[in-house]
């Protein structure tokens, strides 16, 4: 990755910069969570209505905890543009000047992917996953899900898919900065698949179903990212060759 030495600072300066950006993220999420909590009764009623079975509160404060969990989850999703902008802005000083110009576009793309991942989890993956989990409640096993556990599962489900859908940006970042070439990634496709399965196992609850449900769309995203990276790499290489030819002709 390209490093711009003129923007290098001391360790404490970087730490202070990191602290400021974390503070902005925390404040943004906090304000959005407080706003979401104000409407949490309606939001929680909507989310809990999607449960395939009745939900129960196992403790006096569990319903309040469920409202808080849902408010924070919604706040993180809505704050994703701010979170991604602060993250990329922190990385930007270590890049070339031409590479820094892409911070806004990367932030927009990242926010779109994050919200798209959460939407994919909610509209496509949620219902099949819940119904399949419920199908194992046979014999003497009767479903009596906790409201806090259900809200926690839904929240984690959405956030994990949102974060995992950042994979295209990671692939493009690695190829754009020259850390790895698209052809190399294609050569080690099998290793990437294993890596995606391991990542899915780390991010998701300890059950094979959810891991596969996350790994499959990630692999599709990887292949799409690889195509885009190849096009971008060829374009950059062609521009570089033309610049060299122009430089030789001038000389």
C-alpha atoms as a PDB file:
ATOM      1  CA  UNK A   1       0.000   0.000   0.000  1.00  0.00           C
ATOM      2  CA  UNK A   2       1.220   3.433  -0.831  1.00  0.00           C
ATOM      3  CA  UNK A   3       2.338   5.565   2.065  1.00  0.00           C
ATOM      4  CA  UNK A   4       2.589   9.320   1.967  1.00  0.00           C
ATOM      5  CA  UNK A   5       5.519  10.283   4.186  1.00  0.00           C
ATOM      6  CA  UNK A   6       4.498  13.949   4.338  1.00  0.00           C
ATOM      7  CA  UNK A   7       1.416  13.036   6.342  1.00  0.00           C
ATOM      8  CA  UNK A   8       3.196  10.740   8.780  1.00  0.00           C
ATOM      9  CA  UNK A   9       2.864  11.710  12.417  1.00  0.00           C
ATOM     10  CA  UNK A  10       3.858  10.397  15.771  1.00  0.00           C
ATOM     11  CA  UNK A  11       2.179   7.426  17.377  1.00  0.00           C
ATOM     12  CA  UNK A  12       0.360   9.717  19.808  1.00  0.00           C
ATOM     13  CA  UNK A  13      -0.927  11.926  16.979  1.00  0.00           C
ATOM     14  CA  UNK A  14      -2.378   8.889  15.221  1.00  0.00           C
ATOM     15  CA  UNK A  15      -3.839   7.675  18.506  1.00  0.00           C
ATOM     16  CA  UNK A  16      -5.459  11.059  19.110  1.00  0.00           C
ATOM     17  CA  UNK A  17      -6.854  11.055  15.565  1.00  0.00           C
ATOM     18  CA  UNK A  18      -8.224   7.562  16.132  1.00  0.00           C
ATOM     19  CA  UNK A  19      -9.794   8.657  19.437  1.00  0.00           C
ATOM     20  CA  UNK A  20     -11.537  11.605  17.775  1.00  0.00           C
ATOM     21  CA  UNK A  21     -12.995   9.457  15.024  1.00  0.00           C
ATOM     22  CA  UNK A  22     -14.171   6.823  17.514  1.00  0.00           C
ATOM     23  CA  UNK A  23     -15.777   9.610  19.545  1.00  0.00           C
ATOM     24  CA  UNK A  24     -17.675  10.842  16.460  1.00  0.00           C
ATOM     25  CA  UNK A  25     -18.886   7.297  15.741  1.00  0.00           C
ATOM     26  CA  UNK A  26     -20.004   6.711  19.338  1.00  0.00           C
ATOM     27  CA  UNK A  27     -21.864  10.029  19.498  1.00  0.00           C
ATOM     28  CA  UNK A  28     -23.574   9.370  16.156  1.00  0.00           C
ATOM     29  CA  UNK A  29     -24.644   5.861  17.146  1.00  0.00           C
ATOM     30  CA  UNK A  30     -25.743   7.113  20.573  1.00  0.00           C
ATOM     31  CA  UNK A  31     -27.940   9.883  19.150  1.00  0.00           C
ATOM     32  CA  UNK A  32     -29.498   7.556  16.581  1.00  0.00           C
ATOM     33  CA  UNK A  33     -30.030   4.833  19.213  1.00  0.00           C
ATOM     34  CA  UNK A  34     -31.749   7.319  21.538  1.00  0.00           C
ATOM     35  CA  UNK A  35     -33.986   8.440  18.665  1.00  0.00           C
ATOM     36  CA  UNK A  36     -34.753   4.832  17.697  1.00  0.00           C
ATOM     37  CA  UNK A  37     -35.515   3.966  21.347  1.00  0.00           C
ATOM     38  CA  UNK A  38     -38.151   6.708  21.373  1.00  0.00           C
ATOM     39  CA  UNK A  39     -39.947   4.780  18.615  1.00  0.00           C
ATOM     40  CA  UNK A  40     -38.811   1.349  19.837  1.00  0.00           C
ATOM     41  CA  UNK A  41     -42.315   0.262  20.836  1.00  0.00           C
ATOM     42  CA  UNK A  42     -43.506   0.353  17.240  1.00  0.00           C
ATOM     43  CA  UNK A  43     -40.255  -1.035  15.829  1.00  0.00           C
ATOM     44  CA  UNK A  44     -40.131  -3.879  18.348  1.00  0.00           C
ATOM     45  CA  UNK A  45     -43.767  -4.768  17.709  1.00  0.00           C
ATOM     46  CA  UNK A  46     -43.026  -5.005  13.987  1.00  0.00           C
ATOM     47  CA  UNK A  47     -39.889  -7.137  14.415  1.00  0.00           C
ATOM     48  CA  UNK A  48     -41.398  -9.485  17.004  1.00  0.00           C
ATOM     49  CA  UNK A  49     -44.445  -9.980  14.768  1.00  0.00           C
ATOM     50  CA  UNK A  50     -42.147 -11.772  12.299  1.00  0.00           C
ATOM     51  CA  UNK A  51     -41.336 -14.518  14.805  1.00  0.00           C
ATOM     52  CA  UNK A  52     -42.735 -17.919  13.776  1.00  0.00           C
ATOM     53  CA  UNK A  53     -43.626 -18.655  17.420  1.00  0.00           C
ATOM     54  CA  UNK A  54     -44.710 -16.793  20.538  1.00  0.00           C
ATOM     55  CA  UNK A  55     -42.029 -14.846  22.393  1.00  0.00           C
ATOM     56  CA  UNK A  56     -41.734 -14.664  26.166  1.00  0.00           C
ATOM     57  CA  UNK A  57     -39.858 -12.457  28.632  1.00  0.00           C
ATOM     58  CA  UNK A  58     -37.901 -14.542  31.140  1.00  0.00           C
ATOM     59  CA  UNK A  59     -36.961 -11.632  33.408  1.00  0.00           C
ATOM     60  CA  UNK A  60     -38.594  -8.343  34.473  1.00  0.00           C
ATOM     61  CA  UNK A  61     -36.137  -6.213  32.500  1.00  0.00           C
ATOM     62  CA  UNK A  62     -35.846  -8.482  29.455  1.00  0.00           C
ATOM     63  CA  UNK A  63     -38.380  -6.535  27.398  1.00  0.00           C
ATOM     64  CA  UNK A  64     -36.427  -3.321  28.036  1.00  0.00           C
ATOM     65  CA  UNK A  65     -33.210  -5.100  27.001  1.00  0.00           C
ATOM     66  CA  UNK A  66     -34.882  -6.199  23.766  1.00  0.00           C
ATOM     67  CA  UNK A  67     -35.885  -2.608  22.995  1.00  0.00           C
ATOM     68  CA  UNK A  68     -32.319  -1.416  23.661  1.00  0.00           C
ATOM     69  CA  UNK A  69     -30.769  -4.130  21.481  1.00  0.00           C
ATOM     70  CA  UNK A  70     -33.043  -3.290  18.586  1.00  0.00           C
ATOM     71  CA  UNK A  71     -32.421   0.456  18.953  1.00  0.00           C
ATOM     72  CA  UNK A  72     -28.643  -0.008  18.887  1.00  0.00           C
ATOM     73  CA  UNK A  73     -28.835  -2.356  15.890  1.00  0.00           C
ATOM     74  CA  UNK A  74     -30.932   0.122  13.927  1.00  0.00           C
ATOM     75  CA  UNK A  75     -28.594   2.952  14.952  1.00  0.00           C
ATOM     76  CA  UNK A  76     -25.508   1.096  13.686  1.00  0.00           C
ATOM     77  CA  UNK A  77     -27.191   0.388  10.336  1.00  0.00           C
ATOM     78  CA  UNK A  78     -28.256   4.018   9.913  1.00  0.00           C
ATOM     79  CA  UNK A  79     -24.843   5.262  11.052  1.00  0.00           C
ATOM     80  CA  UNK A  80     -22.963   3.017   8.618  1.00  0.00           C
ATOM     81  CA  UNK A  81     -22.092   5.927   6.257  1.00  0.00           C
ATOM     82  CA  UNK A  82     -20.553   7.871   9.163  1.00  0.00           C
ATOM     83  CA  UNK A  83     -18.726   4.793  10.485  1.00  0.00           C
ATOM     84  CA  UNK A  84     -17.273   3.943   7.080  1.00  0.00           C
ATOM     85  CA  UNK A  85     -16.336   7.562   6.339  1.00  0.00           C
ATOM     86  CA  UNK A  86     -14.453   7.870   9.636  1.00  0.00           C
ATOM     87  CA  UNK A  87     -12.696   4.552   9.027  1.00  0.00           C
ATOM     88  CA  UNK A  88     -11.577   5.391   5.481  1.00  0.00           C
ATOM     89  CA  UNK A  89     -10.627   8.945   6.483  1.00  0.00           C
ATOM     90  CA  UNK A  90      -8.340   7.508   9.148  1.00  0.00           C
ATOM     91  CA  UNK A  91      -6.668   5.262   6.551  1.00  0.00           C
ATOM     92  CA  UNK A  92      -6.520   7.927   3.815  1.00  0.00           C
ATOM     93  CA  UNK A  93      -3.390   9.805   5.044  1.00  0.00           C
ATOM     94  CA  UNK A  94      -1.383   6.636   4.380  1.00  0.00           C
ATOM     95  CA  UNK A  95      -2.385   6.603   0.708  1.00  0.00           C
ATOM     96  CA  UNK A  96      -1.267   8.566  -2.329  1.00  0.00           C
ATOM     97  CA  UNK A  97      -3.059  11.819  -3.072  1.00  0.00           C
ATOM     98  CA  UNK A  98      -4.876  10.302  -6.071  1.00  0.00           C
ATOM     99  CA  UNK A  99      -6.086   7.411  -3.911  1.00  0.00           C
ATOM    100  CA  UNK A 100      -7.501   9.731  -1.244  1.00  0.00           C
ATOM    101  CA  UNK A 101      -9.992  11.188  -3.718  1.00  0.00           C
ATOM    102  CA  UNK A 102     -11.930   7.948  -3.589  1.00  0.00           C
ATOM    103  CA  UNK A 103     -12.837   8.228   0.109  1.00  0.00           C
ATOM    104  CA  UNK A 104     -16.294   9.670  -0.571  1.00  0.00           C
ATOM    105  CA  UNK A 105     -17.110   7.173  -3.329  1.00  0.00           C
ATOM    106  CA  UNK A 106     -15.813   4.288  -1.195  1.00  0.00           C
ATOM    107  CA  UNK A 107     -17.930   5.497   1.727  1.00  0.00           C
ATOM    108  CA  UNK A 108     -21.051   5.644  -0.437  1.00  0.00           C
ATOM    109  CA  UNK A 109     -20.341   2.202  -1.900  1.00  0.00           C
ATOM    110  CA  UNK A 110     -19.611   0.779   1.551  1.00  0.00           C
ATOM    111  CA  UNK A 111     -22.811   2.205   3.026  1.00  0.00           C
ATOM    112  CA  UNK A 112     -24.806   0.848   0.083  1.00  0.00           C
ATOM    113  CA  UNK A 113     -23.227  -2.601   0.570  1.00  0.00           C
ATOM    114  CA  UNK A 114     -23.796  -2.539   4.344  1.00  0.00           C
ATOM    115  CA  UNK A 115     -27.451  -1.586   4.070  1.00  0.00           C
ATOM    116  CA  UNK A 116     -27.817  -3.989   1.139  1.00  0.00           C
ATOM    117  CA  UNK A 117     -26.343  -6.807   3.212  1.00  0.00           C
ATOM    118  CA  UNK A 118     -28.695  -6.079   6.104  1.00  0.00           C
ATOM    119  CA  UNK A 119     -31.646  -5.924   3.689  1.00  0.00           C
ATOM    120  CA  UNK A 120     -30.564  -9.217   2.096  1.00  0.00           C
ATOM    121  CA  UNK A 121     -30.453 -10.825   5.536  1.00  0.00           C
ATOM    122  CA  UNK A 122     -33.907  -9.505   6.450  1.00  0.00           C
ATOM    123  CA  UNK A 123     -35.841 -10.047   3.232  1.00  0.00           C
ATOM    124  CA  UNK A 124     -34.131 -13.163   1.852  1.00  0.00           C
ATOM    125  CA  UNK A 125     -32.333 -15.138   4.566  1.00  0.00           C
ATOM    126  CA  UNK A 126     -34.294 -14.435   7.766  1.00  0.00           C
ATOM    127  CA  UNK A 127     -37.483 -16.399   7.142  1.00  0.00           C
ATOM    128  CA  UNK A 128     -35.845 -19.582   5.738  1.00  0.00           C
ATOM    129  CA  UNK A 129     -33.343 -19.594   8.612  1.00  0.00           C
ATOM    130  CA  UNK A 130     -36.014 -19.217  11.308  1.00  0.00           C
ATOM    131  CA  UNK A 131     -38.287 -21.822   9.745  1.00  0.00           C
ATOM    132  CA  UNK A 132     -35.428 -24.281   9.422  1.00  0.00           C
ATOM    133  CA  UNK A 133     -34.381 -23.726  13.045  1.00  0.00           C
ATOM    134  CA  UNK A 134     -37.992 -24.241  14.117  1.00  0.00           C
ATOM    135  CA  UNK A 135     -38.255 -27.458  12.102  1.00  0.00           C
ATOM    136  CA  UNK A 136     -35.836 -29.122  14.536  1.00  0.00           C
ATOM    137  CA  UNK A 137     -38.285 -28.572  17.408  1.00  0.00           C
ATOM    138  CA  UNK A 138     -39.747 -32.078  17.226  1.00  0.00           C
ATOM    139  CA  UNK A 139     -40.956 -34.601  19.767  1.00  0.00           C
ATOM    140  CA  UNK A 140     -40.698 -33.173  23.266  1.00  0.00           C
ATOM    141  CA  UNK A 141     -38.975 -30.023  22.036  1.00  0.00           C
ATOM    142  CA  UNK A 142     -41.394 -27.099  21.990  1.00  0.00           C
ATOM    143  CA  UNK A 143     -40.314 -23.638  20.922  1.00  0.00           C
ATOM    144  CA  UNK A 144     -40.600 -20.931  23.571  1.00  0.00           C
ATOM    145  CA  UNK A 145     -38.170 -18.285  22.421  1.00  0.00           C
ATOM    146  CA  UNK A 146     -37.051 -15.434  24.612  1.00  0.00           C
ATOM    147  CA  UNK A 147     -37.840 -11.971  23.224  1.00  0.00           C
ATOM    148  CA  UNK A 148     -34.337 -10.748  24.062  1.00  0.00           C
ATOM    149  CA  UNK A 149     -32.726 -13.787  22.419  1.00  0.00           C
ATOM    150  CA  UNK A 150     -34.873 -13.352  19.295  1.00  0.00           C
ATOM    151  CA  UNK A 151     -34.122  -9.639  18.977  1.00  0.00           C
ATOM    152  CA  UNK A 152     -30.442 -10.364  19.635  1.00  0.00           C
ATOM    153  CA  UNK A 153     -30.387 -12.998  16.897  1.00  0.00           C
ATOM    154  CA  UNK A 154     -32.115 -10.717  14.379  1.00  0.00           C
ATOM    155  CA  UNK A 155     -29.783  -7.829  15.241  1.00  0.00           C
ATOM    156  CA  UNK A 156     -26.643  -9.949  14.927  1.00  0.00           C
ATOM    157  CA  UNK A 157     -27.972 -11.481  11.712  1.00  0.00           C
ATOM    158  CA  UNK A 158     -28.429  -8.072  10.089  1.00  0.00           C
ATOM    159  CA  UNK A 159     -25.128  -6.595  11.281  1.00  0.00           C
ATOM    160  CA  UNK A 160     -23.078  -9.662  10.334  1.00  0.00           C
ATOM    161  CA  UNK A 161     -24.447  -9.694   6.789  1.00  0.00           C
ATOM    162  CA  UNK A 162     -23.945  -5.931   6.511  1.00  0.00           C
ATOM    163  CA  UNK A 163     -20.322  -6.185   7.619  1.00  0.00           C
ATOM    164  CA  UNK A 164     -19.632  -9.252   5.479  1.00  0.00           C
ATOM    165  CA  UNK A 165     -20.949  -7.499   2.375  1.00  0.00           C
ATOM    166  CA  UNK A 166     -17.947  -5.158   2.580  1.00  0.00           C
ATOM    167  CA  UNK A 167     -15.951  -7.938   0.887  1.00  0.00           C
ATOM    168  CA  UNK A 168     -16.014  -6.278  -2.586  1.00  0.00           C
ATOM    169  CA  UNK A 169     -14.386  -3.157  -1.148  1.00  0.00           C
ATOM    170  CA  UNK A 170     -11.685  -5.257   0.511  1.00  0.00           C
ATOM    171  CA  UNK A 171     -10.939  -7.060  -2.763  1.00  0.00           C
ATOM    172  CA  UNK A 172     -10.837  -3.796  -4.731  1.00  0.00           C
ATOM    173  CA  UNK A 173      -8.655  -2.166  -2.076  1.00  0.00           C
ATOM    174  CA  UNK A 174      -6.125  -5.013  -2.192  1.00  0.00           C
ATOM    175  CA  UNK A 175      -5.932  -4.956  -5.994  1.00  0.00           C
ATOM    176  CA  UNK A 176      -6.089  -1.176  -6.389  1.00  0.00           C
ATOM    177  CA  UNK A 177      -3.176  -0.593  -3.999  1.00  0.00           C
ATOM    178  CA  UNK A 178      -1.101  -3.317  -5.652  1.00  0.00           C
ATOM    179  CA  UNK A 179      -0.983  -5.593  -2.623  1.00  0.00           C
ATOM    180  CA  UNK A 180      -2.249  -8.471  -4.739  1.00  0.00           C
ATOM    181  CA  UNK A 181      -3.204  -8.919  -8.396  1.00  0.00           C
ATOM    182  CA  UNK A 182      -6.613 -10.217  -9.548  1.00  0.00           C
ATOM    183  CA  UNK A 183      -4.931 -13.142 -11.334  1.00  0.00           C
ATOM    184  CA  UNK A 184      -3.347 -14.226  -8.052  1.00  0.00           C
ATOM    185  CA  UNK A 185      -6.711 -14.126  -6.285  1.00  0.00           C
ATOM    186  CA  UNK A 186      -8.241 -16.212  -9.067  1.00  0.00           C
ATOM    187  CA  UNK A 187      -5.429 -18.759  -8.782  1.00  0.00           C
ATOM    188  CA  UNK A 188      -6.057 -19.193  -5.075  1.00  0.00           C
ATOM    189  CA  UNK A 189      -9.847 -19.330  -5.437  1.00  0.00           C
ATOM    190  CA  UNK A 190     -10.076 -22.557  -3.406  1.00  0.00           C
ATOM    191  CA  UNK A 191      -8.131 -20.989  -0.572  1.00  0.00           C
ATOM    192  CA  UNK A 192     -10.459 -17.990  -0.683  1.00  0.00           C
ATOM    193  CA  UNK A 193     -13.483 -20.290  -0.382  1.00  0.00           C
ATOM    194  CA  UNK A 194     -11.958 -21.931   2.698  1.00  0.00           C
ATOM    195  CA  UNK A 195     -11.210 -18.478   4.093  1.00  0.00           C
ATOM    196  CA  UNK A 196     -14.808 -17.380   3.531  1.00  0.00           C
ATOM    197  CA  UNK A 197     -16.090 -20.473   5.338  1.00  0.00           C
ATOM    198  CA  UNK A 198     -13.748 -19.774   8.253  1.00  0.00           C
ATOM    199  CA  UNK A 199     -14.841 -16.132   8.351  1.00  0.00           C
ATOM    200  CA  UNK A 200     -18.497 -17.182   8.266  1.00  0.00           C
ATOM    201  CA  UNK A 201     -17.846 -19.631  11.115  1.00  0.00           C
ATOM    202  CA  UNK A 202     -16.282 -16.842  13.201  1.00  0.00           C
ATOM    203  CA  UNK A 203     -18.977 -14.244  12.479  1.00  0.00           C
ATOM    204  CA  UNK A 204     -22.077 -16.400  12.766  1.00  0.00           C
ATOM    205  CA  UNK A 205     -23.535 -18.444  15.631  1.00  0.00           C
ATOM    206  CA  UNK A 206     -22.050 -21.959  16.000  1.00  0.00           C
ATOM    207  CA  UNK A 207     -24.305 -23.746  13.536  1.00  0.00           C
ATOM    208  CA  UNK A 208     -23.371 -24.941  10.014  1.00  0.00           C
ATOM    209  CA  UNK A 209     -26.602 -23.662   8.434  1.00  0.00           C
ATOM    210  CA  UNK A 210     -26.006 -19.981   9.185  1.00  0.00           C
ATOM    211  CA  UNK A 211     -22.355 -20.328   8.168  1.00  0.00           C
ATOM    212  CA  UNK A 212     -23.288 -21.698   4.740  1.00  0.00           C
ATOM    213  CA  UNK A 213     -26.049 -19.100   4.349  1.00  0.00           C
ATOM    214  CA  UNK A 214     -23.449 -16.366   4.829  1.00  0.00           C
ATOM    215  CA  UNK A 215     -20.628 -18.031   2.880  1.00  0.00           C
ATOM    216  CA  UNK A 216     -22.653 -18.553  -0.317  1.00  0.00           C
ATOM    217  CA  UNK A 217     -23.564 -14.888  -0.987  1.00  0.00           C
ATOM    218  CA  UNK A 218     -20.026 -13.902   0.029  1.00  0.00           C
ATOM    219  CA  UNK A 219     -18.591 -16.202  -2.619  1.00  0.00           C
ATOM    220  CA  UNK A 220     -20.891 -14.660  -5.244  1.00  0.00           C
ATOM    221  CA  UNK A 221     -19.743 -11.203  -4.116  1.00  0.00           C
ATOM    222  CA  UNK A 222     -16.122 -12.354  -4.349  1.00  0.00           C
ATOM    223  CA  UNK A 223     -16.566 -13.493  -7.946  1.00  0.00           C
ATOM    224  CA  UNK A 224     -18.284 -10.223  -8.888  1.00  0.00           C
ATOM    225  CA  UNK A 225     -15.539  -8.258  -7.127  1.00  0.00           C
ATOM    226  CA  UNK A 226     -12.908 -10.258  -8.987  1.00  0.00           C
ATOM    227  CA  UNK A 227     -14.465  -9.328 -12.343  1.00  0.00           C
ATOM    228  CA  UNK A 228     -14.562  -5.634 -11.395  1.00  0.00           C
ATOM    229  CA  UNK A 229     -10.996  -5.821 -10.076  1.00  0.00           C
ATOM    230  CA  UNK A 230      -9.763  -7.360 -13.341  1.00  0.00           C
ATOM    231  CA  UNK A 231     -11.397  -4.588 -15.377  1.00  0.00           C
ATOM    232  CA  UNK A 232      -9.953  -1.914 -13.080  1.00  0.00           C
ATOM    233  CA  UNK A 233      -6.513  -3.552 -13.095  1.00  0.00           C
ATOM    234  CA  UNK A 234      -6.398  -3.773 -16.900  1.00  0.00           C
ATOM    235  CA  UNK A 235      -7.503  -0.157 -17.193  1.00  0.00           C
ATOM    236  CA  UNK A 236      -4.824   1.015 -14.747  1.00  0.00           C
ATOM    237  CA  UNK A 237      -2.182  -1.050 -16.523  1.00  0.00           C
ATOM    238  CA  UNK A 238      -3.216   0.324 -19.917  1.00  0.00           C
ATOM    239  CA  UNK A 239      -3.105   3.907 -18.605  1.00  0.00           C
ATOM    240  CA  UNK A 240       0.326   3.273 -17.105  1.00  0.00           C
ATOM    241  CA  UNK A 241       1.672   1.885 -20.406  1.00  0.00           C
ATOM    242  CA  UNK A 242       0.273   4.859 -22.327  1.00  0.00           C
ATOM    243  CA  UNK A 243       1.907   7.261 -19.857  1.00  0.00           C
ATOM    244  CA  UNK A 244       5.246   5.503 -20.302  1.00  0.00           C
ATOM    245  CA  UNK A 245       4.945   5.673 -24.097  1.00  0.00           C
ATOM    246  CA  UNK A 246       4.067   9.373 -23.963  1.00  0.00           C
ATOM    247  CA  UNK A 247       7.024   9.985 -21.688  1.00  0.00           C
ATOM    248  CA  UNK A 248       9.389   8.166 -24.072  1.00  0.00           C
ATOM    249  CA  UNK A 249       8.045  10.070 -27.095  1.00  0.00           C
ATOM    250  CA  UNK A 250       8.562  13.407 -25.333  1.00  0.00           C
ATOM    251  CA  UNK A 251      12.091  12.412 -24.342  1.00  0.00           C
END
